[in-house]
Amino acid sequence: MDALDTLIELSSQMELEHAEEARGSSTSPNGAAQTGSKPGCFTPKEQRAAFVHPAQLPNGAQIKLLKTLLSSACERDCYYCPFRAGRDFRRATFKPGEFAELFMKLNQAKMAEGIFLSSGIAAGGANTQNKILDTAEILRKRFGYRGYMHLKIMPGAEKGQVERAMQLADRVSVNLEAPNTERLAKLAPHKIFLEELLQPLKWVEEIRRTQPAYKFWNGRHPSTVTQFVAGGADESDLELLTTTNWLMKNVRLTRAYYSAFFPIRDTPLENKAAVNPLREHRLYQASFLLRD
């Protein structure tokens, strides 16, 4: 595969990641943002890709956001996830420098103005986090990219890695997926709710409280968000909103995203009924009331 084919593979399921969505923005029939490429930069095949999404930044500005993984290879076996270990599909991986070069081409062609970068986990969360950080540092330092960057914090990342991500990104996030330890066991039995997922969010807030903003990207502390798989573990709305409220009060979470569960073929939950999208909508309404 060439670099653009690899990006198409890696971004094919990123509608599952709700990041900075701008509801009601113009999209193509397959869900991709309508974009125009600079002549000579790319062939027409990027038009069938779903890697660029209409997004709204925390300040209200709207941009074209590239949402992708650095790698779809993953050693975790989360029951709901299309990238889970053992699932039969073609995997793809970018090296940090390779991906950074491709993103800058997209950025210069005005196809992508910002980036949301996550990854499957290989050889541990700390190793994967290093690759995400390497990519971000190449973009910021080698290429001088000063646009919007949202970095995912991997389960098992170390405190120093969280701090470095905060120095490079406008926003960092950790997907809790479920509201508590009991519910997470039904979705991702090999993830540890308190130590792997909640702890990094606590570190972010601790770092914001103890270090001055000028040490961070553009002289500001990054914002933090999380995501839940609504209905994946048969949790109640009260459980989701109780955890959301705690996060907003105790770690200054900017926003919780809710992804209504729908079954993925060849996963343990493939026969579980999809959740009505109206539930997702009501959870957003309730969480905004709690926050604002």
Foldseek 3Di string as FASTA:
>chain_A
DDPLVLFLVFCVPVVLPDDQADPPADDDPVQARDDDFDPPLDDPPCVVGRQWHWGADPVGDIFTEGEGEQWLAADFAFQFDPSGPPFDDDIHHHQLVSVLVVVVSCVVRRNGQEYEYHYHDDPFQQVRLVRQLSNLCCNCPVVVRQGAYEYERFFRHDLVSLVSCQQRHQEYEFALQFLDQVLSCQGGVPGGNVRGGVVSLLSLQVCPVPDFQCSHRPSHGHAYEYEYAPCSRPDDLCSVLVSLLCCCVRSVHPYYAYRFGDHDPPGPCNVPHTDDCVVRVVSRVVSVVSND
